[in-house]
Amino acid sequence: MDLTELIAFQTVMREGTFSKAAEKLNYAQSTITNQIKRLEKELGITLFYRNWEATLTPAGQRFAEQVDQLIQHWRYVGDIAKQLNEEEIGTLRIGVTETWADYHLPHILNEFRQYKPKIDCEITVGHSAFLEECLQQEKITIALCADSEYSHLFLFEPLAQESISVVIPVGHSLATAQTVTIDELLSHLLIIGQSSCKYRLQVEKAFRTYEQEPLFYTLNQLSLIPLYAEQLNGIGIVPSSLHIDSGYTCLPFPVLDNPLNIGILQLRSMKYSSGIQQLFIEQVRNYFHSR
């Protein structure tokens, strides 16, 4: 049994047919068929009924329950061996919210590079719900984002709290205000992040008790919100950690039940963390504990 055979089995199971699995892995179908045959011979069981669709046998179903952890463990062992045999190399795949990517992450990575200068790093930037999807699709292994409502799927370690700011451009009628109310916000165009952003859900909740609905312009790039507020004579609503240039008035959002918890999000099913991943997590913890 080797890793390629396990991945072939996992892919056939997910894709539903040998041909689709071969296409997914960029192999000839005969290669996938031979890998499954070798795996079945080594295990001494039949994993799939041979028909148009790759249907698991009862023994195959029991094996399928363990295959994800087997693959994780195989990769973990390979990672340990690589560390022991040579100067450590590899790739760290991180997901991060835009606000943290803008400021916090560069400081964390700068410290991480002092320990692991030869590690490649792939950074995915997006809102928290998007990063949850990336974790489930195994596009990233760690996310620095808000907590998930799906606690049965994810482990979360809180590190900081995020409030919400109102960004008012110079020349706006509220630019000299010391505070703003919900009623005042309802009288203006509001520039805000995507509907799936966790902070936007809190903002929408604050408006629910009012008969009048807010007028939202939605942007998926938070850093552009102040500019659009200025150009459209509107008001931006952003996470408080977003960097705002001088020339804007920044005020607290008037109603906020609880600040968002931001921290480290990982899949519960990811039983084994590489040494690279463990070191990065430790650097994240140290960074926030020292602030």
C-alpha atoms as a PDB file:
ATOM      1  CA  MET A   1       0.000   0.000   0.000  1.00  0.00           C
ATOM      2  CA  ASP A   2       1.336   3.426  -0.905  1.00  0.00           C
ATOM      3  CA  LEU A   3       0.066   7.000  -0.968  1.00  0.00           C
ATOM      4  CA  THR A   4      -0.792   6.986  -4.694  1.00  0.00           C
ATOM      5  CA  GLU A   5      -3.073   3.972  -4.205  1.00  0.00           C
ATOM      6  CA  LEU A   6      -4.832   5.626  -1.264  1.00  0.00           C
ATOM      7  CA  ILE A   7      -5.340   8.842  -3.225  1.00  0.00           C
ATOM      8  CA  ALA A   8      -6.636   6.859  -6.210  1.00  0.00           C
ATOM      9  CA  PHE A   9      -9.196   5.128  -3.958  1.00  0.00           C
ATOM     10  CA  GLN A  10     -10.233   8.444  -2.355  1.00  0.00           C
ATOM     11  CA  THR A  11     -10.652  10.104  -5.756  1.00  0.00           C
ATOM     12  CA  VAL A  12     -12.698   7.240  -7.270  1.00  0.00           C
ATOM     13  CA  MET A  13     -14.920   7.350  -4.184  1.00  0.00           C
ATOM     14  CA  ARG A  14     -15.441  11.132  -4.495  1.00  0.00           C
ATOM     15  CA  GLU A  15     -15.816  11.305  -8.279  1.00  0.00           C
ATOM     16  CA  GLY A  16     -18.055   8.254  -8.595  1.00  0.00           C
ATOM     17  CA  THR A  17     -16.368   6.554 -11.561  1.00  0.00           C
ATOM     18  CA  PHE A  18     -12.900   5.326 -12.517  1.00  0.00           C
ATOM     19  CA  SER A  19     -12.896   7.506 -15.639  1.00  0.00           C
ATOM     20  CA  LYS A  20     -13.716  10.706 -13.749  1.00  0.00           C
ATOM     21  CA  ALA A  21     -11.063   9.880 -11.152  1.00  0.00           C
ATOM     22  CA  ALA A  22      -8.490   9.364 -13.909  1.00  0.00           C
ATOM     23  CA  GLU A  23      -9.422  12.715 -15.425  1.00  0.00           C
ATOM     24  CA  LYS A  24      -9.212  14.423 -12.008  1.00  0.00           C
ATOM     25  CA  LEU A  25      -5.747  13.009 -11.314  1.00  0.00           C
ATOM     26  CA  ASN A  26      -4.567  13.390 -14.920  1.00  0.00           C
ATOM     27  CA  TYR A  27      -3.899   9.641 -15.243  1.00  0.00           C
ATOM     28  CA  ALA A  28      -4.916   7.061 -17.795  1.00  0.00           C
ATOM     29  CA  GLN A  29      -7.951   5.087 -16.633  1.00  0.00           C
ATOM     30  CA  SER A  30      -5.892   1.900 -16.761  1.00  0.00           C
ATOM     31  CA  THR A  31      -3.477   3.417 -14.220  1.00  0.00           C
ATOM     32  CA  ILE A  32      -6.316   4.086 -11.758  1.00  0.00           C
ATOM     33  CA  THR A  33      -7.718   0.579 -12.339  1.00  0.00           C
ATOM     34  CA  ASN A  34      -4.314  -1.011 -11.658  1.00  0.00           C
ATOM     35  CA  GLN A  35      -3.790   1.074  -8.512  1.00  0.00           C
ATOM     36  CA  ILE A  36      -7.154  -0.035  -7.114  1.00  0.00           C
ATOM     37  CA  LYS A  37      -6.433  -3.670  -8.013  1.00  0.00           C
ATOM     38  CA  ARG A  38      -3.065  -3.503  -6.197  1.00  0.00           C
ATOM     39  CA  LEU A  39      -4.733  -1.930  -3.156  1.00  0.00           C
ATOM     40  CA  GLU A  40      -7.442  -4.607  -3.104  1.00  0.00           C
ATOM     41  CA  LYS A  41      -4.807  -7.358  -3.382  1.00  0.00           C
ATOM     42  CA  GLU A  42      -2.751  -5.875  -0.530  1.00  0.00           C
ATOM     43  CA  LEU A  43      -5.835  -5.509   1.688  1.00  0.00           C
ATOM     44  CA  GLY A  44      -7.352  -8.837   0.686  1.00  0.00           C
ATOM     45  CA  ILE A  45     -10.785  -7.309   0.081  1.00  0.00           C
ATOM     46  CA  THR A  46     -12.857  -6.029  -2.837  1.00  0.00           C
ATOM     47  CA  LEU A  47     -13.392  -2.274  -2.506  1.00  0.00           C
ATOM     48  CA  PHE A  48     -15.709  -1.531  -5.447  1.00  0.00           C
ATOM     49  CA  TYR A  49     -18.432  -3.369  -7.336  1.00  0.00           C
ATOM     50  CA  ARG A  50     -17.403  -3.308 -10.990  1.00  0.00           C
ATOM     51  CA  ASN A  51     -20.212  -1.545 -12.864  1.00  0.00           C
ATOM     52  CA  TRP A  52     -20.720   1.776 -14.639  1.00  0.00           C
ATOM     53  CA  GLU A  53     -20.530   3.690 -11.378  1.00  0.00           C
ATOM     54  CA  ALA A  54     -17.863   2.835  -8.810  1.00  0.00           C
ATOM     55  CA  THR A  55     -20.090   1.609  -5.971  1.00  0.00           C
ATOM     56  CA  LEU A  56     -18.381   0.729  -2.690  1.00  0.00           C
ATOM     57  CA  THR A  57     -18.741  -2.775  -1.300  1.00  0.00           C
ATOM     58  CA  PRO A  58     -19.519  -3.065   2.437  1.00  0.00           C
ATOM     59  CA  ALA A  59     -15.795  -3.660   3.055  1.00  0.00           C
ATOM     60  CA  GLY A  60     -15.005  -0.660   0.857  1.00  0.00           C
ATOM     61  CA  GLN A  61     -17.373   1.498   2.890  1.00  0.00           C
ATOM     62  CA  ARG A  62     -15.564   0.574   6.101  1.00  0.00           C
ATOM     63  CA  PHE A  63     -12.194   1.313   4.492  1.00  0.00           C
ATOM     64  CA  ALA A  64     -13.528   4.646   3.165  1.00  0.00           C
ATOM     65  CA  GLU A  65     -14.225   5.774   6.726  1.00  0.00           C
ATOM     66  CA  GLN A  66     -10.494   5.594   7.458  1.00  0.00           C
ATOM     67  CA  VAL A  67      -8.861   6.619   4.192  1.00  0.00           C
ATOM     68  CA  ASP A  68      -8.729  10.389   4.869  1.00  0.00           C
ATOM     69  CA  GLN A  69      -6.860   9.830   8.133  1.00  0.00           C
ATOM     70  CA  LEU A  70      -4.568   7.279   6.465  1.00  0.00           C
ATOM     71  CA  ILE A  71      -3.608   9.838   3.800  1.00  0.00           C
ATOM     72  CA  GLN A  72      -3.055  12.543   6.417  1.00  0.00           C
ATOM     73  CA  HIS A  73      -0.871  10.217   8.460  1.00  0.00           C
ATOM     74  CA  TRP A  74       1.125   9.135   5.397  1.00  0.00           C
ATOM     75  CA  ARG A  75       1.845  12.760   4.519  1.00  0.00           C
ATOM     76  CA  TYR A  76       2.688  13.534   8.129  1.00  0.00           C
ATOM     77  CA  VAL A  77       5.227  10.701   8.267  1.00  0.00           C
ATOM     78  CA  GLY A  78       6.700  11.869   4.963  1.00  0.00           C
ATOM     79  CA  ASP A  79       7.006  15.383   6.326  1.00  0.00           C
ATOM     80  CA  ILE A  80       8.832  14.146   9.437  1.00  0.00           C
ATOM     81  CA  ALA A  81      11.197  12.078   7.290  1.00  0.00           C
ATOM     82  CA  LYS A  82      11.944  15.089   5.107  1.00  0.00           C
ATOM     83  CA  GLN A  83      12.804  17.145   8.171  1.00  0.00           C
ATOM     84  CA  LEU A  84      15.160  14.440   9.439  1.00  0.00           C
ATOM     85  CA  ASN A  85      16.952  13.793   6.157  1.00  0.00           C
ATOM     86  CA  GLU A  86      17.543  17.240   4.738  1.00  0.00           C
ATOM     87  CA  GLU A  87      17.127  20.914   5.273  1.00  0.00           C
ATOM     88  CA  GLU A  88      13.392  21.395   5.584  1.00  0.00           C
ATOM     89  CA  ILE A  89      11.485  22.305   2.419  1.00  0.00           C
ATOM     90  CA  GLY A  90       7.805  22.390   1.634  1.00  0.00           C
ATOM     91  CA  THR A  91       4.799  24.651   1.205  1.00  0.00           C
ATOM     92  CA  LEU A  92       2.667  26.381   3.806  1.00  0.00           C
ATOM     93  CA  ARG A  93      -0.885  27.092   2.576  1.00  0.00           C
ATOM     94  CA  ILE A  94      -2.569  29.834   4.595  1.00  0.00           C
ATOM     95  CA  GLY A  95      -5.940  31.526   4.332  1.00  0.00           C
ATOM     96  CA  VAL A  96      -6.396  34.985   5.830  1.00  0.00           C
ATOM     97  CA  THR A  97      -8.997  37.744   5.928  1.00  0.00           C
ATOM     98  CA  GLU A  98      -8.207  40.909   3.991  1.00  0.00           C
ATOM     99  CA  THR A  99      -7.819  43.044   7.100  1.00  0.00           C
ATOM    100  CA  TRP A 100      -5.291  40.666   8.663  1.00  0.00           C
ATOM    101  CA  ALA A 101      -3.483  40.176   5.355  1.00  0.00           C
ATOM    102  CA  ASP A 102      -3.049  43.929   5.155  1.00  0.00           C
ATOM    103  CA  TYR A 103      -1.254  44.344   8.471  1.00  0.00           C
ATOM    104  CA  HIS A 104      -0.789  41.366  10.808  1.00  0.00           C
ATOM    105  CA  LEU A 105       0.288  38.581   8.443  1.00  0.00           C
ATOM    106  CA  PRO A 106       3.436  40.296   7.044  1.00  0.00           C
ATOM    107  CA  HIS A 107       4.804  40.672  10.594  1.00  0.00           C
ATOM    108  CA  ILE A 108       4.034  37.030  11.403  1.00  0.00           C
ATOM    109  CA  LEU A 109       5.618  35.749   8.171  1.00  0.00           C
ATOM    110  CA  ASN A 110       8.707  37.876   8.696  1.00  0.00           C
ATOM    111  CA  GLU A 111       9.285  36.124  12.009  1.00  0.00           C
ATOM    112  CA  PHE A 112       8.435  32.706  10.527  1.00  0.00           C
ATOM    113  CA  ARG A 113      11.055  33.183   7.779  1.00  0.00           C
ATOM    114  CA  GLN A 114      13.780  33.549  10.390  1.00  0.00           C
ATOM    115  CA  TYR A 115      13.209  29.890  11.245  1.00  0.00           C
ATOM    116  CA  LYS A 116      12.157  28.454   7.885  1.00  0.00           C
ATOM    117  CA  PRO A 117      13.698  30.514   5.068  1.00  0.00           C
ATOM    118  CA  LYS A 118      13.277  27.802   2.416  1.00  0.00           C
ATOM    119  CA  ILE A 119       9.559  27.152   2.911  1.00  0.00           C
ATOM    120  CA  ASP A 120       7.246  28.270   0.097  1.00  0.00           C
ATOM    121  CA  CYS A 121       4.092  30.043   1.199  1.00  0.00           C
ATOM    122  CA  GLU A 122       0.757  30.198  -0.650  1.00  0.00           C
ATOM    123  CA  ILE A 123      -1.607  32.851   0.754  1.00  0.00           C
ATOM    124  CA  THR A 124      -5.342  32.916  -0.008  1.00  0.00           C
ATOM    125  CA  VAL A 125      -7.141  36.141   0.933  1.00  0.00           C
ATOM    126  CA  GLY A 126     -10.913  36.220   1.414  1.00  0.00           C
ATOM    127  CA  HIS A 127     -13.756  36.588   3.874  1.00  0.00           C
ATOM    128  CA  SER A 128     -14.220  34.016   6.638  1.00  0.00           C
ATOM    129  CA  ALA A 129     -16.990  31.987   4.964  1.00  0.00           C
ATOM    130  CA  PHE A 130     -14.869  31.647   1.815  1.00  0.00           C
ATOM    131  CA  LEU A 131     -11.883  30.493   3.873  1.00  0.00           C
ATOM    132  CA  GLU A 132     -14.051  27.835   5.533  1.00  0.00           C
ATOM    133  CA  GLU A 133     -14.808  26.464   2.057  1.00  0.00           C
ATOM    134  CA  CYS A 134     -11.103  26.498   1.191  1.00  0.00           C
ATOM    135  CA  LEU A 135     -10.312  24.500   4.322  1.00  0.00           C
ATOM    136  CA  GLN A 136     -12.955  21.901   3.459  1.00  0.00           C
ATOM    137  CA  GLN A 137     -11.628  21.658  -0.099  1.00  0.00           C
ATOM    138  CA  GLU A 138      -8.063  21.281   1.293  1.00  0.00           C
ATOM    139  CA  LYS A 139      -6.861  24.310  -0.659  1.00  0.00           C
ATOM    140  CA  ILE A 140      -5.454  25.676   2.605  1.00  0.00           C
ATOM    141  CA  THR A 141      -4.554  24.016   5.914  1.00  0.00           C
ATOM    142  CA  ILE A 142      -4.845  27.007   8.279  1.00  0.00           C
ATOM    143  CA  ALA A 143      -7.153  30.026   8.220  1.00  0.00           C
ATOM    144  CA  LEU A 144      -6.777  33.246  10.188  1.00  0.00           C
ATOM    145  CA  CYS A 145     -10.369  34.416  10.296  1.00  0.00           C
ATOM    146  CA  ALA A 146     -13.579  34.634  12.322  1.00  0.00           C
ATOM    147  CA  ASP A 147     -15.020  31.678  14.210  1.00  0.00           C
ATOM    148  CA  SER A 148     -17.280  29.257  12.340  1.00  0.00           C
ATOM    149  CA  GLU A 149     -20.843  28.371  13.270  1.00  0.00           C
ATOM    150  CA  TYR A 150     -20.033  24.784  12.240  1.00  0.00           C
ATOM    151  CA  SER A 151     -18.207  23.775  15.409  1.00  0.00           C
ATOM    152  CA  HIS A 152     -18.605  20.086  14.524  1.00  0.00           C
ATOM    153  CA  LEU A 153     -16.388  20.653  11.468  1.00  0.00           C
ATOM    154  CA  PHE A 154     -13.850  23.190  12.696  1.00  0.00           C
ATOM    155  CA  LEU A 155     -11.532  23.839  15.620  1.00  0.00           C
ATOM    156  CA  PHE A 156     -11.156  27.515  16.534  1.00  0.00           C
ATOM    157  CA  GLU A 157      -8.595  29.243  18.739  1.00  0.00           C
ATOM    158  CA  PRO A 158      -9.549  32.887  19.434  1.00  0.00           C
ATOM    159  CA  LEU A 159      -6.693  35.394  19.449  1.00  0.00           C
ATOM    160  CA  ALA A 160      -8.241  38.855  19.007  1.00  0.00           C
ATOM    161  CA  GLN A 161     -11.545  40.683  18.770  1.00  0.00           C
ATOM    162  CA  GLU A 162     -12.773  42.705  15.812  1.00  0.00           C
ATOM    163  CA  SER A 163     -15.180  45.622  16.100  1.00  0.00           C
ATOM    164  CA  ILE A 164     -16.794  47.578  13.262  1.00  0.00           C
ATOM    165  CA  SER A 165     -16.034  51.121  12.095  1.00  0.00           C
ATOM    166  CA  VAL A 166     -17.990  53.734  10.178  1.00  0.00           C
ATOM    167  CA  VAL A 167     -15.781  55.543   7.628  1.00  0.00           C
ATOM    168  CA  ILE A 168     -16.910  59.045   6.629  1.00  0.00           C
ATOM    169  CA  PRO A 169     -15.049  61.001   3.910  1.00  0.00           C
ATOM    170  CA  VAL A 170     -14.097  64.674   4.193  1.00  0.00           C
ATOM    171  CA  GLY A 171     -16.865  66.954   2.966  1.00  0.00           C
ATOM    172  CA  HIS A 172     -19.631  64.579   3.945  1.00  0.00           C
ATOM    173  CA  SER A 173     -22.432  66.051   6.058  1.00  0.00           C
ATOM    174  CA  LEU A 174     -21.440  63.741   8.948  1.00  0.00           C
ATOM    175  CA  ALA A 175     -17.678  64.270   8.624  1.00  0.00           C
ATOM    176  CA  THR A 176     -17.460  66.384  11.805  1.00  0.00           C
ATOM    177  CA  ALA A 177     -19.760  64.174  13.885  1.00  0.00           C
ATOM    178  CA  GLN A 178     -18.465  62.636  17.098  1.00  0.00           C
ATOM    179  CA  THR A 179     -20.909  59.725  16.939  1.00  0.00           C
ATOM    180  CA  VAL A 180     -23.486  58.381  14.493  1.00  0.00           C
ATOM    181  CA  THR A 181     -26.831  56.680  15.026  1.00  0.00           C
ATOM    182  CA  ILE A 182     -28.628  54.004  13.058  1.00  0.00           C
ATOM    183  CA  ASP A 183     -31.214  56.591  12.008  1.00  0.00           C
ATOM    184  CA  GLU A 184     -28.468  58.801  10.560  1.00  0.00           C
ATOM    185  CA  LEU A 185     -26.919  55.876   8.687  1.00  0.00           C
ATOM    186  CA  LEU A 186     -30.282  55.000   7.161  1.00  0.00           C
ATOM    187  CA  SER A 187     -30.306  58.411   5.472  1.00  0.00           C
ATOM    188  CA  HIS A 188     -27.141  57.700   3.456  1.00  0.00           C
ATOM    189  CA  LEU A 189     -25.687  55.292   0.912  1.00  0.00           C
ATOM    190  CA  LEU A 190     -23.679  52.626   2.770  1.00  0.00           C
ATOM    191  CA  ILE A 191     -20.656  50.936   1.200  1.00  0.00           C
ATOM    192  CA  ILE A 192     -20.015  47.532   2.765  1.00  0.00           C
ATOM    193  CA  GLY A 193     -18.445  44.107   2.219  1.00  0.00           C
ATOM    194  CA  GLN A 194     -20.114  41.015   0.751  1.00  0.00           C
ATOM    195  CA  SER A 195     -23.294  39.582   2.260  1.00  0.00           C
ATOM    196  CA  SER A 196     -21.364  36.480   3.376  1.00  0.00           C
ATOM    197  CA  CYS A 197     -18.871  38.546   5.421  1.00  0.00           C
ATOM    198  CA  LYS A 198     -19.302  37.855   9.130  1.00  0.00           C
ATOM    199  CA  TYR A 199     -19.105  41.542  10.072  1.00  0.00           C
ATOM    200  CA  ARG A 200     -21.813  42.444   7.548  1.00  0.00           C
ATOM    201  CA  LEU A 201     -24.169  39.939   9.153  1.00  0.00           C
ATOM    202  CA  GLN A 202     -23.753  41.843  12.417  1.00  0.00           C
ATOM    203  CA  VAL A 203     -24.432  45.144  10.650  1.00  0.00           C
ATOM    204  CA  GLU A 204     -27.590  43.796   9.014  1.00  0.00           C
ATOM    205  CA  LYS A 205     -28.790  42.512  12.381  1.00  0.00           C
ATOM    206  CA  ALA A 206     -28.555  46.054  13.791  1.00  0.00           C
ATOM    207  CA  PHE A 207     -30.941  47.346  11.090  1.00  0.00           C
ATOM    208  CA  ARG A 208     -33.605  44.638  11.496  1.00  0.00           C
ATOM    209  CA  THR A 209     -35.659  46.480  14.099  1.00  0.00           C
ATOM    210  CA  TYR A 210     -36.057  49.503  11.800  1.00  0.00           C
ATOM    211  CA  GLU A 211     -38.856  49.744   9.263  1.00  0.00           C
ATOM    212  CA  GLN A 212     -36.656  51.477   6.691  1.00  0.00           C
ATOM    213  CA  GLU A 213     -34.132  49.262   4.944  1.00  0.00           C
ATOM    214  CA  PRO A 214     -30.555  50.484   4.401  1.00  0.00           C
ATOM    215  CA  LEU A 215     -29.239  51.159   0.901  1.00  0.00           C
ATOM    216  CA  PHE A 216     -26.108  49.035   0.451  1.00  0.00           C
ATOM    217  CA  TYR A 217     -23.461  49.082  -2.252  1.00  0.00           C
ATOM    218  CA  THR A 218     -21.441  45.882  -1.901  1.00  0.00           C
ATOM    219  CA  LEU A 219     -17.714  45.456  -2.599  1.00  0.00           C
ATOM    220  CA  ASN A 220     -15.730  42.239  -2.269  1.00  0.00           C
ATOM    221  CA  GLN A 221     -12.480  44.179  -1.700  1.00  0.00           C
ATOM    222  CA  LEU A 222     -12.697  45.917   1.654  1.00  0.00           C
ATOM    223  CA  SER A 223      -9.745  48.222   1.028  1.00  0.00           C
ATOM    224  CA  LEU A 224     -11.743  49.955  -1.736  1.00  0.00           C
ATOM    225  CA  ILE A 225     -14.668  50.842   0.518  1.00  0.00           C
ATOM    226  CA  PRO A 226     -13.275  54.211   1.761  1.00  0.00           C
ATOM    227  CA  LEU A 227     -12.507  55.291  -1.832  1.00  0.00           C
ATOM    228  CA  TYR A 228     -16.011  54.408  -3.026  1.00  0.00           C
ATOM    229  CA  ALA A 229     -17.528  56.175  -0.034  1.00  0.00           C
ATOM    230  CA  GLU A 230     -15.596  59.293  -1.016  1.00  0.00           C
ATOM    231  CA  GLN A 231     -16.451  59.090  -4.718  1.00  0.00           C
ATOM    232  CA  LEU A 232     -20.144  58.348  -4.123  1.00  0.00           C
ATOM    233  CA  ASN A 233     -20.603  60.684  -1.131  1.00  0.00           C
ATOM    234  CA  GLY A 234     -21.545  57.659   0.937  1.00  0.00           C
ATOM    235  CA  ILE A 235     -20.428  56.087   4.210  1.00  0.00           C
ATOM    236  CA  GLY A 236     -18.194  53.040   4.476  1.00  0.00           C
ATOM    237  CA  ILE A 237     -18.723  50.282   7.018  1.00  0.00           C
ATOM    238  CA  VAL A 238     -15.634  48.139   7.581  1.00  0.00           C
ATOM    239  CA  PRO A 239     -13.912  45.896  10.148  1.00  0.00           C
ATOM    240  CA  SER A 240     -12.028  48.132  12.580  1.00  0.00           C
ATOM    241  CA  SER A 241      -8.657  46.546  11.782  1.00  0.00           C
ATOM    242  CA  LEU A 242      -8.789  47.715   8.150  1.00  0.00           C
ATOM    243  CA  HIS A 243      -6.120  50.345   7.500  1.00  0.00           C
ATOM    244  CA  ILE A 244      -7.757  53.709   6.735  1.00  0.00           C
ATOM    245  CA  ASP A 245      -5.765  56.599   5.267  1.00  0.00           C
ATOM    246  CA  SER A 246      -5.870  60.006   6.899  1.00  0.00           C
ATOM    247  CA  GLY A 247      -8.603  62.259   5.574  1.00  0.00           C
ATOM    248  CA  TYR A 248     -11.483  60.112   6.762  1.00  0.00           C
ATOM    249  CA  THR A 249     -13.458  60.265   9.981  1.00  0.00           C
ATOM    250  CA  CYS A 250     -13.634  56.845  11.641  1.00  0.00           C
ATOM    251  CA  LEU A 251     -16.320  56.266  14.258  1.00  0.00           C
ATOM    252  CA  PRO A 252     -17.559  53.143  16.054  1.00  0.00           C
ATOM    253  CA  PHE A 253     -20.567  51.449  14.534  1.00  0.00           C
ATOM    254  CA  PRO A 254     -23.457  52.509  16.797  1.00  0.00           C
ATOM    255  CA  VAL A 255     -24.920  49.089  17.649  1.00  0.00           C
ATOM    256  CA  LEU A 256     -22.795  45.990  18.136  1.00  0.00           C
ATOM    257  CA  ASP A 257     -23.904  43.102  20.333  1.00  0.00           C
ATOM    258  CA  ASN A 258     -20.547  41.361  20.510  1.00  0.00           C
ATOM    259  CA  PRO A 259     -17.220  41.930  18.741  1.00  0.00           C
ATOM    260  CA  LEU A 260     -16.190  39.199  16.329  1.00  0.00           C
ATOM    261  CA  ASN A 261     -13.644  36.700  17.613  1.00  0.00           C
ATOM    262  CA  ILE A 262     -10.759  36.301  15.162  1.00  0.00           C
ATOM    263  CA  GLY A 263      -8.178  33.537  15.408  1.00  0.00           C
ATOM    264  CA  ILE A 264      -6.901  30.234  14.032  1.00  0.00           C
ATOM    265  CA  LEU A 265      -9.409  27.990  12.245  1.00  0.00           C
ATOM    266  CA  GLN A 266      -8.612  24.384  11.275  1.00  0.00           C
ATOM    267  CA  LEU A 267     -10.549  21.305  10.237  1.00  0.00           C
ATOM    268  CA  ARG A 268     -11.333  18.885  13.043  1.00  0.00           C
ATOM    269  CA  SER A 269     -10.656  16.028  10.629  1.00  0.00           C
ATOM    270  CA  MET A 270      -7.076  17.214  10.111  1.00  0.00           C
ATOM    271  CA  LYS A 271      -5.540  14.963  12.760  1.00  0.00           C
ATOM    272  CA  TYR A 272      -1.902  15.544  11.862  1.00  0.00           C
ATOM    273  CA  SER A 273      -0.164  18.907  11.525  1.00  0.00           C
ATOM    274  CA  SER A 274       3.232  19.165   9.860  1.00  0.00           C
ATOM    275  CA  GLY A 275       6.168  20.644  11.727  1.00  0.00           C
ATOM    276  CA  ILE A 276       5.961  23.638   9.393  1.00  0.00           C
ATOM    277  CA  GLN A 277       2.303  24.186  10.243  1.00  0.00           C
ATOM    278  CA  GLN A 278       2.886  23.790  13.977  1.00  0.00           C
ATOM    279  CA  LEU A 279       5.695  26.346  13.907  1.00  0.00           C
ATOM    280  CA  PHE A 280       3.576  28.858  11.982  1.00  0.00           C
ATOM    281  CA  ILE A 281       0.720  28.486  14.479  1.00  0.00           C
ATOM    282  CA  GLU A 282       3.164  29.078  17.320  1.00  0.00           C
ATOM    283  CA  GLN A 283       4.404  32.256  15.615  1.00  0.00           C
ATOM    284  CA  VAL A 284       0.809  33.483  15.258  1.00  0.00           C
ATOM    285  CA  ARG A 285       0.174  32.863  18.948  1.00  0.00           C
ATOM    286  CA  ASN A 286       3.372  34.610  19.996  1.00  0.00           C
ATOM    287  CA  TYR A 287       2.571  37.623  17.824  1.00  0.00           C
ATOM    288  CA  PHE A 288      -0.848  38.217  19.367  1.00  0.00           C
ATOM    289  CA  HIS A 289       0.159  37.379  22.922  1.00  0.00           C
ATOM    290  CA  SER A 290       2.917  39.985  22.723  1.00  0.00           C
ATOM    291  CA  ARG A 291       0.572  42.755  21.596  1.00  0.00           C
END
